[in-house]
Amino acid sequence: MSNKENGTLYLGITNNLIRRVWEHKQKTKKLSFTSKYNLQDLVYFETYTDPENAILREKQLKAGSRQKKIDLIEKNNPDWEDLSEGF
């Protein structure tokens, strides 16, 4: 999730992407990181059928640099469009 191109980034995992994006957009958790920084745009996501692999990938991405995260987003979504618009 992000608030604008090259803006603040949030990375997490969920078992229900549509619900979780909705929660971020509705700011259901008022004191959350995404609410504080107004992170409303889903700019990148990956899907996994195995939760263990999803957790490993999350850790890998979180351990990477900010630039690596930006490069991954821009490779797949160069205009930083909100990918949740199609949900």
PDB file of N, CA and C in Angstrom:
ATOM      1  N   MET A   1       0.856  -1.167   0.000  1.00  0.00           N
ATOM      2  CA  MET A   1       0.000   0.000   0.000  1.00  0.00           C
ATOM      3  C   MET A   1       0.901   1.228   0.000  1.00  0.00           C
ATOM      4  N   SER A   2       0.398   2.282  -0.642  1.00  0.00           N
ATOM      5  CA  SER A   2       1.139   3.529  -0.693  1.00  0.00           C
ATOM      6  C   SER A   2       0.158   4.701  -0.726  1.00  0.00           C
ATOM      7  N   ASN A   3       0.695   5.889  -0.548  1.00  0.00           N
ATOM      8  CA  ASN A   3      -0.155   7.079  -0.604  1.00  0.00           C
ATOM      9  C   ASN A   3       0.082   7.895  -1.868  1.00  0.00           C
ATOM     10  N   LYS A   4       1.194   7.646  -2.551  1.00  0.00           N
ATOM     11  CA  LYS A   4       1.495   8.332  -3.810  1.00  0.00           C
ATOM     12  C   LYS A   4       2.746   7.698  -4.400  1.00  0.00           C
ATOM     13  N   GLU A   5       3.051   8.051  -5.638  1.00  0.00           N
ATOM     14  CA  GLU A   5       4.249   7.532  -6.282  1.00  0.00           C
ATOM     15  C   GLU A   5       5.476   7.893  -5.463  1.00  0.00           C
ATOM     16  N   ASN A   6       6.294   6.897  -5.192  1.00  0.00           N
ATOM     17  CA  ASN A   6       7.498   7.046  -4.371  1.00  0.00           C
ATOM     18  C   ASN A   6       7.205   7.560  -2.966  1.00  0.00           C
ATOM     19  N   GLY A   7       5.976   7.365  -2.491  1.00  0.00           N
ATOM     20  CA  GLY A   7       5.588   7.810  -1.156  1.00  0.00           C
ATOM     21  C   GLY A   7       5.872   6.753  -0.104  1.00  0.00           C
ATOM     22  N   THR A   8       5.169   6.875   0.988  1.00  0.00           N
ATOM     23  CA  THR A   8       5.303   5.923   2.087  1.00  0.00           C
ATOM     24  C   THR A   8       4.797   4.559   1.634  1.00  0.00           C
ATOM     25  N   LEU A   9       5.481   3.505   2.066  1.00  0.00           N
ATOM     26  CA  LEU A   9       5.109   2.140   1.688  1.00  0.00           C
ATOM     27  C   LEU A   9       4.731   1.324   2.915  1.00  0.00           C
ATOM     28  N   TYR A  10       3.754   0.444   2.729  1.00  0.00           N
ATOM     29  CA  TYR A  10       3.367  -0.516   3.764  1.00  0.00           C
ATOM     30  C   TYR A  10       3.344  -1.884   3.122  1.00  0.00           C
ATOM     31  N   LEU A  11       3.877  -2.857   3.815  1.00  0.00           N
ATOM     32  CA  LEU A  11       3.953  -4.226   3.320  1.00  0.00           C
ATOM     33  C   LEU A  11       3.372  -5.159   4.367  1.00  0.00           C
ATOM     34  N   GLY A  12       2.484  -6.038   3.947  1.00  0.00           N
ATOM     35  CA  GLY A  12       1.907  -6.994   4.879  1.00  0.00           C
ATOM     36  C   GLY A  12       1.316  -8.174   4.141  1.00  0.00           C
ATOM     37  N   ILE A  13       0.852  -9.150   4.904  1.00  0.00           N
ATOM     38  CA  ILE A  13       0.195 -10.313   4.297  1.00  0.00           C
ATOM     39  C   ILE A  13      -1.226 -10.416   4.838  1.00  0.00           C
ATOM     40  N   THR A  14      -2.058 -11.094   4.074  1.00  0.00           N
ATOM     41  CA  THR A  14      -3.440 -11.306   4.472  1.00  0.00           C
ATOM     42  C   THR A  14      -3.964 -12.558   3.785  1.00  0.00           C
ATOM     43  N   ASN A  15      -5.006 -13.131   4.328  1.00  0.00           N
ATOM     44  CA  ASN A  15      -5.654 -14.256   3.664  1.00  0.00           C
ATOM     45  C   ASN A  15      -6.874 -13.797   2.865  1.00  0.00           C
ATOM     46  N   ASN A  16      -7.130 -12.477   2.860  1.00  0.00           N
ATOM     47  CA  ASN A  16      -8.258 -11.928   2.107  1.00  0.00           C
ATOM     48  C   ASN A  16      -7.897 -10.505   1.662  1.00  0.00           C
ATOM     49  N   LEU A  17      -7.317 -10.416   0.478  1.00  0.00           N
ATOM     50  CA  LEU A  17      -6.809  -9.137  -0.008  1.00  0.00           C
ATOM     51  C   LEU A  17      -7.910  -8.092  -0.174  1.00  0.00           C
ATOM     52  N   ILE A  18      -9.033  -8.474  -0.725  1.00  0.00           N
ATOM     53  CA  ILE A  18     -10.117  -7.516  -0.947  1.00  0.00           C
ATOM     54  C   ILE A  18     -10.580  -6.915   0.374  1.00  0.00           C
ATOM     55  N   ARG A  19     -10.802  -7.770   1.383  1.00  0.00           N
ATOM     56  CA  ARG A  19     -11.229  -7.276   2.694  1.00  0.00           C
ATOM     57  C   ARG A  19     -10.176  -6.362   3.315  1.00  0.00           C
ATOM     58  N   ARG A  20      -8.917  -6.773   3.228  1.00  0.00           N
ATOM     59  CA  ARG A  20      -7.848  -6.012   3.874  1.00  0.00           C
ATOM     60  C   ARG A  20      -7.664  -4.651   3.217  1.00  0.00           C
ATOM     61  N   VAL A  21      -7.732  -4.588   1.902  1.00  0.00           N
ATOM     62  CA  VAL A  21      -7.626  -3.300   1.217  1.00  0.00           C
ATOM     63  C   VAL A  21      -8.796  -2.406   1.626  1.00  0.00           C
ATOM     64  N   TRP A  22      -9.990  -2.975   1.686  1.00  0.00           N
ATOM     65  CA  TRP A  22     -11.171  -2.215   2.111  1.00  0.00           C
ATOM     66  C   TRP A  22     -10.939  -1.639   3.508  1.00  0.00           C
ATOM     67  N   GLU A  23     -10.394  -2.452   4.426  1.00  0.00           N
ATOM     68  CA  GLU A  23     -10.121  -1.986   5.784  1.00  0.00           C
ATOM     69  C   GLU A  23      -9.134  -0.813   5.778  1.00  0.00           C
ATOM     70  N   HIS A  24      -8.112  -0.902   4.950  1.00  0.00           N
ATOM     71  CA  HIS A  24      -7.150   0.198   4.859  1.00  0.00           C
ATOM     72  C   HIS A  24      -7.825   1.455   4.322  1.00  0.00           C
ATOM     73  N   LYS A  25      -8.621   1.308   3.285  1.00  0.00           N
ATOM     74  CA  LYS A  25      -9.282   2.467   2.679  1.00  0.00           C
ATOM     75  C   LYS A  25     -10.305   3.103   3.621  1.00  0.00           C
ATOM     76  N   GLN A  26     -10.977   2.271   4.417  1.00  0.00           N
ATOM     77  CA  GLN A  26     -11.982   2.775   5.355  1.00  0.00           C
ATOM     78  C   GLN A  26     -11.373   3.216   6.682  1.00  0.00           C
ATOM     79  N   LYS A  27     -10.077   2.961   6.846  1.00  0.00           N
ATOM     80  CA  LYS A  27      -9.359   3.310   8.086  1.00  0.00           C
ATOM     81  C   LYS A  27     -10.069   2.714   9.309  1.00  0.00           C
ATOM     82  N   THR A  28     -10.369   1.422   9.224  1.00  0.00           N
ATOM     83  CA  THR A  28     -11.086   0.765  10.316  1.00  0.00           C
ATOM     84  C   THR A  28     -10.246   0.680  11.587  1.00  0.00           C
ATOM     85  N   LYS A  29      -8.950   0.732  11.445  1.00  0.00           N
ATOM     86  CA  LYS A  29      -8.063   0.752  12.615  1.00  0.00           C
ATOM     87  C   LYS A  29      -7.430   2.136  12.668  1.00  0.00           C
ATOM     88  N   LYS A  30      -8.049   3.008  13.417  1.00  0.00           N
ATOM     89  CA  LYS A  30      -7.715   4.434  13.414  1.00  0.00           C
ATOM     90  C   LYS A  30      -6.261   4.743  13.773  1.00  0.00           C
ATOM     91  N   LEU A  31      -5.631   3.931  14.568  1.00  0.00           N
ATOM     92  CA  LEU A  31      -4.256   4.209  14.988  1.00  0.00           C
ATOM     93  C   LEU A  31      -3.228   3.403  14.208  1.00  0.00           C
ATOM     94  N   SER A  32      -3.648   2.811  13.098  1.00  0.00           N
ATOM     95  CA  SER A  32      -2.731   1.972  12.332  1.00  0.00           C
ATOM     96  C   SER A  32      -1.767   2.818  11.506  1.00  0.00           C
ATOM     97  N   PHE A  33      -0.701   2.194  11.067  1.00  0.00           N
ATOM     98  CA  PHE A  33       0.297   2.847  10.224  1.00  0.00           C
ATOM     99  C   PHE A  33      -0.339   3.352   8.936  1.00  0.00           C
ATOM    100  N   THR A  34      -1.188   2.532   8.323  1.00  0.00           N
ATOM    101  CA  THR A  34      -1.805   2.938   7.058  1.00  0.00           C
ATOM    102  C   THR A  34      -2.764   4.110   7.242  1.00  0.00           C
ATOM    103  N   SER A  35      -3.448   4.170   8.361  1.00  0.00           N
ATOM    104  CA  SER A  35      -4.326   5.314   8.634  1.00  0.00           C
ATOM    105  C   SER A  35      -3.510   6.581   8.873  1.00  0.00           C
ATOM    106  N   LYS A  36      -2.463   6.458   9.663  1.00  0.00           N
ATOM    107  CA  LYS A  36      -1.624   7.617  10.004  1.00  0.00           C
ATOM    108  C   LYS A  36      -1.042   8.277   8.760  1.00  0.00           C
ATOM    109  N   TYR A  37      -0.614   7.462   7.791  1.00  0.00           N
ATOM    110  CA  TYR A  37       0.030   7.997   6.596  1.00  0.00           C
ATOM    111  C   TYR A  37      -0.884   8.001   5.367  1.00  0.00           C
ATOM    112  N   ASN A  38      -2.169   7.743   5.576  1.00  0.00           N
ATOM    113  CA  ASN A  38      -3.172   7.780   4.510  1.00  0.00           C
ATOM    114  C   ASN A  38      -2.788   6.887   3.327  1.00  0.00           C
ATOM    115  N   LEU A  39      -2.425   5.657   3.628  1.00  0.00           N
ATOM    116  CA  LEU A  39      -2.030   4.704   2.587  1.00  0.00           C
ATOM    117  C   LEU A  39      -3.288   4.035   2.040  1.00  0.00           C
ATOM    118  N   GLN A  40      -3.694   4.429   0.858  1.00  0.00           N
ATOM    119  CA  GLN A  40      -4.965   3.985   0.289  1.00  0.00           C
ATOM    120  C   GLN A  40      -4.807   3.215  -1.019  1.00  0.00           C
ATOM    121  N   ASP A  41      -3.632   3.248  -1.636  1.00  0.00           N
ATOM    122  CA  ASP A  41      -3.462   2.657  -2.958  1.00  0.00           C
ATOM    123  C   ASP A  41      -2.733   1.317  -2.878  1.00  0.00           C
ATOM    124  N   LEU A  42      -3.353   0.305  -3.439  1.00  0.00           N
ATOM    125  CA  LEU A  42      -2.712  -0.997  -3.578  1.00  0.00           C
ATOM    126  C   LEU A  42      -1.864  -0.928  -4.845  1.00  0.00           C
ATOM    127  N   VAL A  43      -0.555  -0.827  -4.690  1.00  0.00           N
ATOM    128  CA  VAL A  43       0.312  -0.638  -5.848  1.00  0.00           C
ATOM    129  C   VAL A  43       1.037  -1.907  -6.271  1.00  0.00           C
ATOM    130  N   TYR A  44       0.996  -2.945  -5.442  1.00  0.00           N
ATOM    131  CA  TYR A  44       1.658  -4.210  -5.777  1.00  0.00           C
ATOM    132  C   TYR A  44       1.105  -5.299  -4.868  1.00  0.00           C
ATOM    133  N   PHE A  45       0.976  -6.491  -5.415  1.00  0.00           N
ATOM    134  CA  PHE A  45       0.636  -7.643  -4.580  1.00  0.00           C
ATOM    135  C   PHE A  45       1.089  -8.920  -5.262  1.00  0.00           C
ATOM    136  N   GLU A  46       1.263  -9.941  -4.466  1.00  0.00           N
ATOM    137  CA  GLU A  46       1.576 -11.291  -4.937  1.00  0.00           C
ATOM    138  C   GLU A  46       0.590 -12.229  -4.267  1.00  0.00           C
ATOM    139  N   THR A  47       0.266 -13.329  -4.922  1.00  0.00           N
ATOM    140  CA  THR A  47      -0.633 -14.309  -4.329  1.00  0.00           C
ATOM    141  C   THR A  47       0.101 -15.625  -4.103  1.00  0.00           C
ATOM    142  N   TYR A  48      -0.253 -16.274  -3.026  1.00  0.00           N
ATOM    143  CA  TYR A  48       0.326 -17.561  -2.642  1.00  0.00           C
ATOM    144  C   TYR A  48      -0.782 -18.469  -2.136  1.00  0.00           C
ATOM    145  N   THR A  49      -0.664 -19.744  -2.422  1.00  0.00           N
ATOM    146  CA  THR A  49      -1.630 -20.701  -1.892  1.00  0.00           C
ATOM    147  C   THR A  49      -1.167 -21.272  -0.558  1.00  0.00           C
ATOM    148  N   ASP A  50       0.126 -21.185  -0.295  1.00  0.00           N
ATOM    149  CA  ASP A  50       0.700 -21.715   0.939  1.00  0.00           C
ATOM    150  C   ASP A  50       1.078 -20.560   1.876  1.00  0.00           C
ATOM    151  N   PRO A  51       0.456 -20.475   3.042  1.00  0.00           N
ATOM    152  CA  PRO A  51       0.764 -19.380   3.972  1.00  0.00           C
ATOM    153  C   PRO A  51       2.235 -19.309   4.369  1.00  0.00           C
ATOM    154  N   GLU A  52       2.880 -20.435   4.497  1.00  0.00           N
ATOM    155  CA  GLU A  52       4.295 -20.420   4.892  1.00  0.00           C
ATOM    156  C   GLU A  52       5.149 -19.722   3.842  1.00  0.00           C
ATOM    157  N   ASN A  53       4.860 -19.978   2.568  1.00  0.00           N
ATOM    158  CA  ASN A  53       5.603 -19.308   1.495  1.00  0.00           C
ATOM    159  C   ASN A  53       5.302 -17.813   1.475  1.00  0.00           C
ATOM    160  N   ALA A  54       4.074 -17.454   1.772  1.00  0.00           N
ATOM    161  CA  ALA A  54       3.705 -16.033   1.825  1.00  0.00           C
ATOM    162  C   ALA A  54       4.475 -15.328   2.939  1.00  0.00           C
ATOM    163  N   ILE A  55       4.581 -15.953   4.080  1.00  0.00           N
ATOM    164  CA  ILE A  55       5.311 -15.365   5.209  1.00  0.00           C
ATOM    165  C   ILE A  55       6.797 -15.243   4.882  1.00  0.00           C
ATOM    166  N   LEU A  56       7.365 -16.264   4.251  1.00  0.00           N
ATOM    167  CA  LEU A  56       8.778 -16.198   3.854  1.00  0.00           C
ATOM    168  C   LEU A  56       9.015 -15.056   2.870  1.00  0.00           C
ATOM    169  N   ARG A  57       8.102 -14.896   1.913  1.00  0.00           N
ATOM    170  CA  ARG A  57       8.242 -13.824   0.924  1.00  0.00           C
ATOM    171  C   ARG A  57       8.100 -12.453   1.592  1.00  0.00           C
ATOM    172  N   GLU A  58       7.170 -12.327   2.523  1.00  0.00           N
ATOM    173  CA  GLU A  58       7.014 -11.066   3.246  1.00  0.00           C
ATOM    174  C   GLU A  58       8.312 -10.707   3.964  1.00  0.00           C
ATOM    175  N   LYS A  59       8.905 -11.663   4.638  1.00  0.00           N
ATOM    176  CA  LYS A  59      10.159 -11.413   5.352  1.00  0.00           C
ATOM    177  C   LYS A  59      11.269 -11.014   4.387  1.00  0.00           C
ATOM    178  N   GLN A  60      11.301 -11.683   3.237  1.00  0.00           N
ATOM    179  CA  GLN A  60      12.312 -11.362   2.224  1.00  0.00           C
ATOM    180  C   GLN A  60      12.142  -9.921   1.735  1.00  0.00           C
ATOM    181  N   LEU A  61      10.908  -9.541   1.438  1.00  0.00           N
ATOM    182  CA  LEU A  61      10.657  -8.186   0.956  1.00  0.00           C
ATOM    183  C   LEU A  61      10.950  -7.137   2.032  1.00  0.00           C
ATOM    184  N   LYS A  62      10.550  -7.411   3.250  1.00  0.00           N
ATOM    185  CA  LYS A  62      10.790  -6.458   4.339  1.00  0.00           C
ATOM    186  C   LYS A  62      12.277  -6.280   4.619  1.00  0.00           C
ATOM    187  N   ALA A  63      13.064  -7.326   4.383  1.00  0.00           N
ATOM    188  CA  ALA A  63      14.507  -7.251   4.621  1.00  0.00           C
ATOM    189  C   ALA A  63      15.217  -6.475   3.510  1.00  0.00           C
ATOM    190  N   GLY A  64      14.562  -6.327   2.375  1.00  0.00           N
ATOM    191  CA  GLY A  64      15.163  -5.613   1.258  1.00  0.00           C
ATOM    192  C   GLY A  64      15.117  -4.107   1.456  1.00  0.00           C
ATOM    193  N   SER A  65      15.874  -3.428   0.646  1.00  0.00           N
ATOM    194  CA  SER A  65      15.926  -1.971   0.739  1.00  0.00           C
ATOM    195  C   SER A  65      14.645  -1.343   0.192  1.00  0.00           C
ATOM    196  N   ARG A  66      14.448  -0.099   0.545  1.00  0.00           N
ATOM    197  CA  ARG A  66      13.312   0.660   0.007  1.00  0.00           C
ATOM    198  C   ARG A  66      13.405   0.705  -1.519  1.00  0.00           C
ATOM    199  N   GLN A  67      14.614   0.895  -2.042  1.00  0.00           N
ATOM    200  CA  GLN A  67      14.785   0.980  -3.490  1.00  0.00           C
ATOM    201  C   GLN A  67      14.392  -0.326  -4.179  1.00  0.00           C
ATOM    202  N   LYS A  68      14.691  -1.456  -3.561  1.00  0.00           N
ATOM    203  CA  LYS A  68      14.290  -2.742  -4.148  1.00  0.00           C
ATOM    204  C   LYS A  68      12.769  -2.856  -4.200  1.00  0.00           C
ATOM    205  N   LYS A  69      12.098  -2.354  -3.184  1.00  0.00           N
ATOM    206  CA  LYS A  69      10.632  -2.376  -3.176  1.00  0.00           C
ATOM    207  C   LYS A  69      10.085  -1.469  -4.282  1.00  0.00           C
ATOM    208  N   ILE A  70      10.656  -0.291  -4.420  1.00  0.00           N
ATOM    209  CA  ILE A  70      10.226   0.640  -5.466  1.00  0.00           C
ATOM    210  C   ILE A  70      10.474   0.032  -6.845  1.00  0.00           C
ATOM    211  N   ASP A  71      11.628  -0.584  -7.035  1.00  0.00           N
ATOM    212  CA  ASP A  71      11.943  -1.219  -8.319  1.00  0.00           C
ATOM    213  C   ASP A  71      10.930  -2.312  -8.650  1.00  0.00           C
ATOM    214  N   LEU A  72      10.541  -3.103  -7.658  1.00  0.00           N
ATOM    215  CA  LEU A  72       9.563  -4.171  -7.867  1.00  0.00           C
ATOM    216  C   LEU A  72       8.207  -3.594  -8.255  1.00  0.00           C
ATOM    217  N   ILE A  73       7.800  -2.539  -7.581  1.00  0.00           N
ATOM    218  CA  ILE A  73       6.532  -1.883  -7.921  1.00  0.00           C
ATOM    219  C   ILE A  73       6.592  -1.337  -9.339  1.00  0.00           C
ATOM    220  N   GLU A  74       7.646  -0.603  -9.655  1.00  0.00           N
ATOM    221  CA  GLU A  74       7.727   0.056 -10.951  1.00  0.00           C
ATOM    222  C   GLU A  74       7.893  -0.922 -12.111  1.00  0.00           C
ATOM    223  N   LYS A  75       8.461  -2.081 -11.850  1.00  0.00           N
ATOM    224  CA  LYS A  75       8.566  -3.115 -12.886  1.00  0.00           C
ATOM    225  C   LYS A  75       7.176  -3.628 -13.264  1.00  0.00           C
ATOM    226  N   ASN A  76       6.309  -3.755 -12.279  1.00  0.00           N
ATOM    227  CA  ASN A  76       4.980  -4.334 -12.488  1.00  0.00           C
ATOM    228  C   ASN A  76       3.871  -3.296 -12.612  1.00  0.00           C
ATOM    229  N   ASN A  77       4.085  -2.108 -12.081  1.00  0.00           N
ATOM    230  CA  ASN A  77       3.062  -1.063 -12.054  1.00  0.00           C
ATOM    231  C   ASN A  77       3.757   0.304 -12.185  1.00  0.00           C
ATOM    232  N   PRO A  78       4.304   0.596 -13.374  1.00  0.00           N
ATOM    233  CA  PRO A  78       5.130   1.797 -13.536  1.00  0.00           C
ATOM    234  C   PRO A  78       4.417   3.116 -13.238  1.00  0.00           C
ATOM    235  N   ASP A  79       3.101   3.146 -13.351  1.00  0.00           N
ATOM    236  CA  ASP A  79       2.360   4.376 -13.080  1.00  0.00           C
ATOM    237  C   ASP A  79       1.803   4.441 -11.666  1.00  0.00           C
ATOM    238  N   TRP A  80       2.149   3.481 -10.839  1.00  0.00           N
ATOM    239  CA  TRP A  80       1.697   3.425  -9.453  1.00  0.00           C
ATOM    240  C   TRP A  80       0.171   3.537  -9.366  1.00  0.00           C
ATOM    241  N   GLU A  81      -0.513   2.847 -10.257  1.00  0.00           N
ATOM    242  CA  GLU A  81      -1.974   2.858 -10.240  1.00  0.00           C
ATOM    243  C   GLU A  81      -2.494   2.065  -9.047  1.00  0.00           C
ATOM    244  N   ASP A  82      -3.672   2.427  -8.581  1.00  0.00           N
ATOM    245  CA  ASP A  82      -4.322   1.685  -7.496  1.00  0.00           C
ATOM    246  C   ASP A  82      -4.919   0.417  -8.102  1.00  0.00           C
ATOM    247  N   LEU A  83      -4.282  -0.710  -7.835  1.00  0.00           N
ATOM    248  CA  LEU A  83      -4.703  -1.986  -8.414  1.00  0.00           C
ATOM    249  C   LEU A  83      -6.003  -2.504  -7.829  1.00  0.00           C
ATOM    250  N   SER A  84      -6.448  -1.914  -6.744  1.00  0.00           N
ATOM    251  CA  SER A  84      -7.707  -2.364  -6.130  1.00  0.00           C
ATOM    252  C   SER A  84      -8.926  -1.806  -6.856  1.00  0.00           C
ATOM    253  N   GLU A  85      -8.737  -0.899  -7.800  1.00  0.00           N
ATOM    254  CA  GLU A  85      -9.874  -0.318  -8.521  1.00  0.00           C
ATOM    255  C   GLU A  85     -10.655  -1.390  -9.253  1.00  0.00           C
ATOM    256  N   GLY A  86     -10.038  -2.501  -9.603  1.00  0.00           N
ATOM    257  CA  GLY A  86     -10.716  -3.574 -10.322  1.00  0.00           C
ATOM    258  C   GLY A  86     -11.438  -4.574  -9.430  1.00  0.00           C
ATOM    259  N   PHE A  87     -11.383  -4.388  -8.116  1.00  0.00           N
ATOM    260  CA  PHE A  87     -12.025  -5.335  -7.193  1.00  0.00           C
ATOM    261  C   PHE A  87     -13.504  -5.123  -7.148  1.00  0.00           C
TER     262      PHE A  87
END
